[in-house]
N, C-alpha and C. Protein backbone atom coordinates (compact mmCIF):
# COMPACT_ATOMS: atom_id res chain seq x y z
N MET A 1 0.85 -1.18 0.00
CA MET A 1 0.00 0.00 0.00
C MET A 1 0.89 1.24 0.00
N LYS A 2 0.62 2.13 -0.91
CA LYS A 2 1.33 3.41 -0.94
C LYS A 2 0.61 4.36 0.01
N ALA A 3 1.37 4.93 0.92
CA ALA A 3 0.78 5.85 1.90
C ALA A 3 1.73 7.02 2.10
N SER A 4 1.15 8.16 2.41
CA SER A 4 1.98 9.30 2.78
C SER A 4 1.91 9.46 4.30
N VAL A 5 3.04 9.80 4.87
CA VAL A 5 3.14 9.98 6.31
C VAL A 5 3.59 11.42 6.55
N THR A 6 2.81 12.14 7.35
CA THR A 6 3.17 13.52 7.68
C THR A 6 3.29 13.67 9.19
N VAL A 7 4.07 14.68 9.59
CA VAL A 7 4.30 14.94 11.01
C VAL A 7 4.03 16.40 11.28
N ARG A 8 3.33 16.69 12.35
CA ARG A 8 3.18 18.05 12.88
C ARG A 8 3.70 18.03 14.31
N GLU A 9 4.54 18.99 14.61
CA GLU A 9 5.10 19.07 15.97
C GLU A 9 4.48 20.23 16.73
N ASP A 10 4.77 20.28 18.02
CA ASP A 10 4.29 21.33 18.92
C ASP A 10 2.76 21.41 18.95
N ILE A 11 2.16 20.28 19.30
CA ILE A 11 0.71 20.16 19.39
C ILE A 11 0.31 20.10 20.86
N THR A 12 -0.73 20.83 21.21
CA THR A 12 -1.26 20.82 22.58
C THR A 12 -2.56 20.04 22.60
N LEU A 13 -2.66 19.11 23.54
CA LEU A 13 -3.86 18.31 23.75
C LEU A 13 -4.62 18.87 24.94
N ILE A 14 -5.90 19.13 24.73
CA ILE A 14 -6.78 19.60 25.79
C ILE A 14 -7.87 18.56 25.99
N SER A 15 -8.08 18.15 27.22
CA SER A 15 -9.15 17.20 27.54
C SER A 15 -10.08 17.82 28.56
N LEU A 16 -11.36 17.78 28.26
CA LEU A 16 -12.40 18.24 29.17
C LEU A 16 -13.04 16.99 29.76
N ILE A 17 -12.69 16.69 30.99
CA ILE A 17 -13.13 15.46 31.65
C ILE A 17 -14.38 15.77 32.49
N ASP A 18 -15.34 14.86 32.45
CA ASP A 18 -16.63 15.04 33.13
C ASP A 18 -17.38 16.24 32.59
N SER A 19 -17.29 16.42 31.29
CA SER A 19 -18.04 17.47 30.61
C SER A 19 -19.47 16.98 30.41
N PRO A 20 -20.45 17.86 30.49
CA PRO A 20 -21.82 17.42 30.21
C PRO A 20 -21.92 16.82 28.81
N ALA A 21 -22.55 15.67 28.71
CA ALA A 21 -22.74 15.00 27.42
C ALA A 21 -23.94 15.64 26.73
N ASN A 22 -23.75 16.85 26.31
CA ASN A 22 -24.84 17.65 25.76
C ASN A 22 -24.29 18.40 24.55
N ILE A 23 -24.93 18.25 23.40
CA ILE A 23 -24.42 18.86 22.18
C ILE A 23 -24.40 20.38 22.28
N ASP A 24 -25.28 20.99 23.08
CA ASP A 24 -25.25 22.44 23.25
C ASP A 24 -23.95 22.88 23.93
N VAL A 25 -23.50 22.10 24.91
CA VAL A 25 -22.24 22.42 25.61
C VAL A 25 -21.07 22.25 24.65
N ILE A 26 -21.08 21.17 23.88
CA ILE A 26 -20.00 20.93 22.92
C ILE A 26 -19.95 22.05 21.88
N ALA A 27 -21.12 22.43 21.38
CA ALA A 27 -21.17 23.53 20.41
C ALA A 27 -20.63 24.81 21.03
N ASP A 28 -20.96 25.06 22.28
CA ASP A 28 -20.48 26.26 22.97
C ASP A 28 -18.95 26.23 23.12
N VAL A 29 -18.40 25.07 23.42
CA VAL A 29 -16.95 24.93 23.55
C VAL A 29 -16.27 25.35 22.25
N PHE A 30 -16.73 24.79 21.15
CA PHE A 30 -16.07 25.07 19.88
C PHE A 30 -16.40 26.47 19.35
N GLU A 31 -17.52 27.01 19.74
CA GLU A 31 -17.82 28.40 19.38
C GLU A 31 -16.87 29.36 20.08
N LYS A 32 -16.62 29.12 21.38
CA LYS A 32 -15.68 29.96 22.13
C LYS A 32 -14.27 29.86 21.54
N ILE A 33 -13.89 28.67 21.15
CA ILE A 33 -12.57 28.46 20.55
C ILE A 33 -12.47 29.21 19.21
N ALA A 34 -13.52 29.12 18.41
CA ALA A 34 -13.53 29.82 17.12
C ALA A 34 -13.48 31.33 17.32
N GLN A 35 -14.21 31.83 18.31
CA GLN A 35 -14.21 33.27 18.58
C GLN A 35 -12.82 33.76 19.01
N ALA A 36 -12.03 32.87 19.58
CA ALA A 36 -10.67 33.21 19.98
C ALA A 36 -9.69 33.02 18.82
N HIS A 37 -10.21 32.68 17.63
CA HIS A 37 -9.40 32.48 16.42
C HIS A 37 -8.37 31.37 16.59
N ILE A 38 -8.81 30.29 17.26
CA ILE A 38 -7.95 29.14 17.48
C ILE A 38 -8.41 28.01 16.58
N ASP A 39 -7.48 27.45 15.84
CA ASP A 39 -7.76 26.35 14.91
C ASP A 39 -7.65 25.02 15.65
N VAL A 40 -8.72 24.25 15.63
CA VAL A 40 -8.75 22.93 16.26
C VAL A 40 -8.44 21.88 15.19
N ASP A 41 -7.65 20.88 15.56
CA ASP A 41 -7.29 19.84 14.60
C ASP A 41 -8.02 18.54 14.94
N MET A 42 -7.45 17.73 15.80
CA MET A 42 -8.04 16.43 16.15
C MET A 42 -9.13 16.63 17.20
N ILE A 43 -10.22 15.87 17.08
CA ILE A 43 -11.30 15.91 18.07
C ILE A 43 -11.71 14.47 18.37
N SER A 44 -11.89 14.18 19.66
CA SER A 44 -12.34 12.85 20.07
C SER A 44 -13.23 12.99 21.29
N GLN A 45 -14.33 12.24 21.29
CA GLN A 45 -15.24 12.25 22.44
C GLN A 45 -15.47 10.82 22.89
N THR A 46 -15.45 10.61 24.21
CA THR A 46 -15.78 9.28 24.73
C THR A 46 -17.29 9.12 24.75
N PRO A 47 -17.78 7.89 24.69
CA PRO A 47 -19.22 7.69 24.82
C PRO A 47 -19.70 8.20 26.17
N PRO A 48 -20.92 8.73 26.22
CA PRO A 48 -21.44 9.25 27.50
C PRO A 48 -21.47 8.18 28.58
N ASN A 49 -21.17 8.61 29.80
CA ASN A 49 -21.32 7.79 30.99
C ASN A 49 -22.33 8.52 31.85
N GLY A 50 -23.58 8.12 31.71
CA GLY A 50 -24.65 8.88 32.36
C GLY A 50 -24.82 10.19 31.62
N SER A 51 -24.73 11.29 32.34
CA SER A 51 -24.91 12.60 31.72
C SER A 51 -23.59 13.29 31.41
N HIS A 52 -22.47 12.56 31.52
CA HIS A 52 -21.16 13.16 31.28
C HIS A 52 -20.35 12.34 30.27
N SER A 53 -19.40 13.00 29.67
CA SER A 53 -18.43 12.33 28.80
C SER A 53 -17.14 13.14 28.86
N SER A 54 -16.16 12.70 28.13
CA SER A 54 -14.92 13.46 28.03
C SER A 54 -14.72 13.86 26.58
N LEU A 55 -14.22 15.06 26.40
CA LEU A 55 -14.01 15.61 25.08
C LEU A 55 -12.55 16.05 25.00
N SER A 56 -11.85 15.59 23.98
CA SER A 56 -10.45 15.98 23.80
C SER A 56 -10.27 16.56 22.41
N PHE A 57 -9.35 17.50 22.30
CA PHE A 57 -9.04 18.10 21.00
C PHE A 57 -7.64 18.66 21.05
N THR A 58 -7.09 18.92 19.86
CA THR A 58 -5.74 19.44 19.79
C THR A 58 -5.72 20.80 19.10
N VAL A 59 -4.74 21.60 19.50
CA VAL A 59 -4.48 22.90 18.87
C VAL A 59 -2.97 23.03 18.72
N GLY A 60 -2.55 23.95 17.86
CA GLY A 60 -1.13 24.20 17.71
C GLY A 60 -0.55 24.82 18.96
N GLY A 61 0.72 24.61 19.18
CA GLY A 61 1.40 25.14 20.36
C GLY A 61 1.32 26.65 20.48
N ASP A 62 1.23 27.34 19.34
CA ASP A 62 1.12 28.80 19.37
C ASP A 62 -0.17 29.27 20.04
N ASP A 63 -1.17 28.39 20.08
CA ASP A 63 -2.47 28.75 20.67
C ASP A 63 -2.59 28.35 22.13
N PHE A 64 -1.49 27.92 22.74
CA PHE A 64 -1.50 27.44 24.13
C PHE A 64 -2.10 28.48 25.08
N GLY A 65 -1.62 29.71 25.02
CA GLY A 65 -2.13 30.75 25.92
C GLY A 65 -3.59 31.04 25.69
N GLY A 66 -3.99 31.13 24.43
CA GLY A 66 -5.39 31.39 24.10
C GLY A 66 -6.33 30.30 24.56
N ILE A 67 -5.87 29.06 24.44
CA ILE A 67 -6.74 27.95 24.84
C ILE A 67 -6.88 27.88 26.35
N LEU A 68 -5.85 28.31 27.09
CA LEU A 68 -5.97 28.36 28.55
C LEU A 68 -7.02 29.38 28.97
N LYS A 69 -7.09 30.49 28.26
CA LYS A 69 -8.10 31.51 28.55
C LYS A 69 -9.50 30.97 28.27
N VAL A 70 -9.66 30.29 27.16
CA VAL A 70 -10.96 29.69 26.82
C VAL A 70 -11.32 28.63 27.86
N ALA A 71 -10.36 27.82 28.28
CA ALA A 71 -10.61 26.78 29.27
C ALA A 71 -11.09 27.38 30.59
N ALA A 72 -10.50 28.51 30.97
CA ALA A 72 -10.94 29.18 32.21
C ALA A 72 -12.39 29.64 32.09
N GLU A 73 -12.77 30.16 30.92
CA GLU A 73 -14.16 30.58 30.70
C GLU A 73 -15.11 29.37 30.77
N LEU A 74 -14.68 28.25 30.22
CA LEU A 74 -15.51 27.04 30.25
C LEU A 74 -15.73 26.55 31.67
N ARG A 75 -14.68 26.61 32.49
CA ARG A 75 -14.81 26.18 33.89
C ARG A 75 -15.73 27.10 34.67
N GLU A 76 -15.71 28.39 34.36
CA GLU A 76 -16.63 29.31 35.04
C GLU A 76 -18.08 28.91 34.79
N LYS A 77 -18.35 28.51 33.56
CA LYS A 77 -19.72 28.14 33.17
C LYS A 77 -20.08 26.73 33.64
N ASN A 78 -19.10 25.83 33.67
CA ASN A 78 -19.30 24.43 34.07
C ASN A 78 -18.22 24.03 35.07
N PRO A 79 -18.38 24.40 36.35
CA PRO A 79 -17.31 24.18 37.34
C PRO A 79 -16.95 22.71 37.59
N ASP A 80 -17.79 21.77 37.17
CA ASP A 80 -17.49 20.36 37.39
C ASP A 80 -16.51 19.80 36.36
N ILE A 81 -16.31 20.54 35.27
CA ILE A 81 -15.40 20.07 34.24
C ILE A 81 -13.96 20.10 34.77
N LYS A 82 -13.26 18.99 34.56
CA LYS A 82 -11.83 18.94 34.87
C LYS A 82 -11.08 19.13 33.56
N ILE A 83 -10.08 19.99 33.56
CA ILE A 83 -9.35 20.29 32.33
C ILE A 83 -7.92 19.79 32.45
N SER A 84 -7.53 19.03 31.45
CA SER A 84 -6.16 18.52 31.38
C SER A 84 -5.52 19.11 30.12
N VAL A 85 -4.32 19.65 30.27
CA VAL A 85 -3.60 20.25 29.14
C VAL A 85 -2.22 19.60 29.05
N SER A 86 -1.88 19.12 27.86
CA SER A 86 -0.59 18.48 27.63
C SER A 86 0.02 19.10 26.37
N SER A 87 1.11 19.83 26.54
CA SER A 87 1.72 20.49 25.39
C SER A 87 2.96 19.73 24.92
N GLY A 88 3.48 20.13 23.77
CA GLY A 88 4.71 19.54 23.26
C GLY A 88 4.54 18.16 22.64
N ASN A 89 3.37 17.87 22.13
CA ASN A 89 3.12 16.57 21.48
C ASN A 89 3.36 16.68 19.98
N CYS A 90 3.32 15.54 19.31
CA CYS A 90 3.47 15.48 17.86
C CYS A 90 2.36 14.62 17.28
N LYS A 91 1.97 14.96 16.05
CA LYS A 91 0.94 14.18 15.37
C LYS A 91 1.56 13.52 14.14
N ILE A 92 1.40 12.20 14.07
CA ILE A 92 1.80 11.45 12.89
C ILE A 92 0.52 11.04 12.17
N SER A 93 0.41 11.42 10.90
CA SER A 93 -0.76 11.04 10.10
C SER A 93 -0.32 10.15 8.95
N VAL A 94 -1.06 9.05 8.79
CA VAL A 94 -0.84 8.13 7.69
C VAL A 94 -2.06 8.24 6.79
N PHE A 95 -1.81 8.58 5.51
CA PHE A 95 -2.91 8.77 4.57
C PHE A 95 -2.70 7.92 3.33
N SER A 96 -3.77 7.23 2.93
CA SER A 96 -3.78 6.51 1.66
C SER A 96 -5.22 6.26 1.27
N GLU A 97 -5.54 6.54 0.03
CA GLU A 97 -6.89 6.23 -0.45
C GLU A 97 -7.14 4.74 -0.43
N GLU A 98 -6.07 3.95 -0.48
CA GLU A 98 -6.20 2.49 -0.44
C GLU A 98 -6.63 1.98 0.94
N MET A 99 -6.56 2.81 1.97
CA MET A 99 -6.97 2.38 3.31
C MET A 99 -8.46 2.07 3.36
N ASP A 100 -9.25 2.81 2.59
CA ASP A 100 -10.70 2.62 2.57
C ASP A 100 -11.02 1.21 2.08
N GLY A 101 -11.60 0.40 2.92
CA GLY A 101 -11.97 -0.96 2.56
C GLY A 101 -10.86 -1.98 2.69
N THR A 102 -9.71 -1.59 3.27
CA THR A 102 -8.60 -2.52 3.45
C THR A 102 -8.48 -2.87 4.93
N PRO A 103 -8.90 -4.07 5.32
CA PRO A 103 -8.80 -4.47 6.72
C PRO A 103 -7.34 -4.59 7.17
N GLY A 104 -7.10 -4.26 8.43
CA GLY A 104 -5.80 -4.50 9.05
C GLY A 104 -4.82 -3.35 9.04
N VAL A 105 -5.15 -2.25 8.38
CA VAL A 105 -4.21 -1.13 8.33
C VAL A 105 -3.98 -0.57 9.73
N ALA A 106 -5.06 -0.32 10.45
CA ALA A 106 -4.92 0.21 11.82
C ALA A 106 -4.13 -0.77 12.69
N ALA A 107 -4.39 -2.05 12.54
CA ALA A 107 -3.67 -3.06 13.33
C ALA A 107 -2.17 -2.96 13.08
N LYS A 108 -1.76 -2.80 11.83
CA LYS A 108 -0.33 -2.69 11.51
C LYS A 108 0.28 -1.43 12.12
N ILE A 109 -0.44 -0.33 12.03
CA ILE A 109 0.08 0.93 12.56
C ILE A 109 0.19 0.87 14.08
N PHE A 110 -0.84 0.33 14.73
CA PHE A 110 -0.79 0.20 16.19
C PHE A 110 0.31 -0.77 16.63
N LYS A 111 0.48 -1.86 15.88
CA LYS A 111 1.53 -2.83 16.22
C LYS A 111 2.91 -2.17 16.07
N ALA A 112 3.09 -1.36 15.04
CA ALA A 112 4.36 -0.66 14.85
C ALA A 112 4.62 0.28 16.02
N ALA A 113 3.60 1.04 16.42
CA ALA A 113 3.75 1.97 17.55
C ALA A 113 4.02 1.19 18.84
N ALA A 114 3.36 0.07 19.01
CA ALA A 114 3.56 -0.75 20.21
C ALA A 114 4.97 -1.34 20.25
N SER A 115 5.53 -1.63 19.10
CA SER A 115 6.86 -2.25 19.05
C SER A 115 7.95 -1.33 19.61
N VAL A 116 7.66 -0.03 19.67
CA VAL A 116 8.63 0.92 20.22
C VAL A 116 8.09 1.60 21.48
N ASN A 117 7.05 0.98 22.06
CA ASN A 117 6.44 1.47 23.29
C ASN A 117 6.04 2.94 23.21
N SER A 118 5.44 3.32 22.09
CA SER A 118 5.02 4.70 21.88
C SER A 118 3.92 5.10 22.85
N ASP A 119 4.05 6.30 23.41
CA ASP A 119 3.05 6.85 24.33
C ASP A 119 2.01 7.59 23.50
N ILE A 120 0.94 6.89 23.13
CA ILE A 120 -0.11 7.47 22.30
C ILE A 120 -1.13 8.18 23.18
N ARG A 121 -1.35 9.44 22.90
CA ARG A 121 -2.26 10.26 23.67
C ARG A 121 -3.65 10.34 23.07
N MET A 122 -3.75 10.19 21.74
CA MET A 122 -5.04 10.33 21.07
C MET A 122 -4.94 9.70 19.69
N VAL A 123 -6.06 9.19 19.21
CA VAL A 123 -6.15 8.61 17.88
C VAL A 123 -7.40 9.17 17.20
N THR A 124 -7.25 9.59 15.95
CA THR A 124 -8.42 9.92 15.14
C THR A 124 -8.26 9.24 13.79
N THR A 125 -9.39 8.93 13.17
CA THR A 125 -9.36 8.23 11.89
C THR A 125 -10.43 8.78 10.95
N SER A 126 -10.25 8.46 9.69
CA SER A 126 -11.29 8.59 8.68
C SER A 126 -11.09 7.38 7.76
N GLU A 127 -11.81 7.34 6.67
CA GLU A 127 -11.69 6.20 5.77
C GLU A 127 -10.28 6.07 5.20
N CYS A 128 -9.59 7.19 5.05
CA CYS A 128 -8.29 7.20 4.37
C CYS A 128 -7.16 7.74 5.23
N ASP A 129 -7.39 7.96 6.51
CA ASP A 129 -6.39 8.60 7.35
C ASP A 129 -6.44 8.03 8.76
N LEU A 130 -5.26 7.82 9.33
CA LEU A 130 -5.16 7.45 10.74
C LEU A 130 -4.10 8.36 11.33
N SER A 131 -4.48 9.10 12.39
CA SER A 131 -3.55 10.03 13.03
C SER A 131 -3.33 9.63 14.48
N LEU A 132 -2.07 9.67 14.89
CA LEU A 132 -1.68 9.36 16.26
C LEU A 132 -1.07 10.61 16.88
N LEU A 133 -1.54 10.98 18.05
CA LEU A 133 -0.89 12.05 18.81
C LEU A 133 0.01 11.36 19.82
N ILE A 134 1.29 11.69 19.76
CA ILE A 134 2.27 11.03 20.63
C ILE A 134 3.13 12.08 21.32
N VAL A 135 3.79 11.66 22.37
CA VAL A 135 4.73 12.57 23.03
C VAL A 135 5.95 12.75 22.14
N LYS A 136 6.54 13.93 22.19
CA LYS A 136 7.67 14.27 21.32
C LYS A 136 8.82 13.29 21.45
N ALA A 137 9.08 12.81 22.65
CA ALA A 137 10.21 11.89 22.87
C ALA A 137 10.08 10.61 22.05
N ASP A 138 8.86 10.25 21.66
CA ASP A 138 8.63 9.01 20.91
C ASP A 138 8.56 9.21 19.40
N LEU A 139 8.71 10.45 18.94
CA LEU A 139 8.48 10.74 17.52
C LEU A 139 9.39 9.92 16.59
N GLU A 140 10.69 10.01 16.77
CA GLU A 140 11.61 9.36 15.83
C GLU A 140 11.39 7.85 15.76
N ASN A 141 11.32 7.19 16.93
CA ASN A 141 11.14 5.74 16.94
C ASN A 141 9.80 5.32 16.35
N THR A 142 8.74 6.06 16.67
CA THR A 142 7.41 5.72 16.15
C THR A 142 7.36 5.93 14.65
N LEU A 143 7.90 7.03 14.19
CA LEU A 143 7.92 7.32 12.75
C LEU A 143 8.70 6.24 11.99
N ASN A 144 9.86 5.86 12.51
CA ASN A 144 10.65 4.81 11.87
C ASN A 144 9.89 3.48 11.83
N ALA A 145 9.23 3.14 12.93
CA ALA A 145 8.49 1.87 12.99
C ALA A 145 7.33 1.86 12.00
N ILE A 146 6.63 2.98 11.89
CA ILE A 146 5.51 3.06 10.94
C ILE A 146 6.03 2.99 9.51
N ASN A 147 7.09 3.71 9.22
CA ASN A 147 7.65 3.69 7.86
C ASN A 147 8.13 2.31 7.46
N GLU A 148 8.57 1.51 8.42
CA GLU A 148 9.02 0.15 8.12
C GLU A 148 7.88 -0.75 7.65
N ILE A 149 6.68 -0.52 8.14
CA ILE A 149 5.56 -1.42 7.79
C ILE A 149 4.79 -0.95 6.56
N LEU A 150 5.08 0.26 6.09
CA LEU A 150 4.34 0.77 4.92
C LEU A 150 5.01 0.42 3.61
């Protein structure tokens, strides 16, 4: 399979833990972020557990200060939300149109990352793309392991 692999560095991961599992709250979160002119990249939500879930997303490192301000506003409105911020991460994206309908691609990528004990913070996918957010210290080894299997 021919695939392209890209890397983005200096990525900040924000997780809103115990956030209300309510689409109005989620819309408000991303509206506040947009109003602050912050570009969101990866987004992942856990399935609701009762009336709460966790929502995670990534922004570029340049937006670290702005996202902290938005996070403070979100906590004022929803004091039960716990906010976790992890900066200095990297995103590895594997893209191939051949991924659509090809079983086992994710398994190979995860096995490659596991072979070097990569600290994966987040995963997002589409039909043709699989992206891993990892800690910077694991970038070179994870990238080499993924390139070996492609």
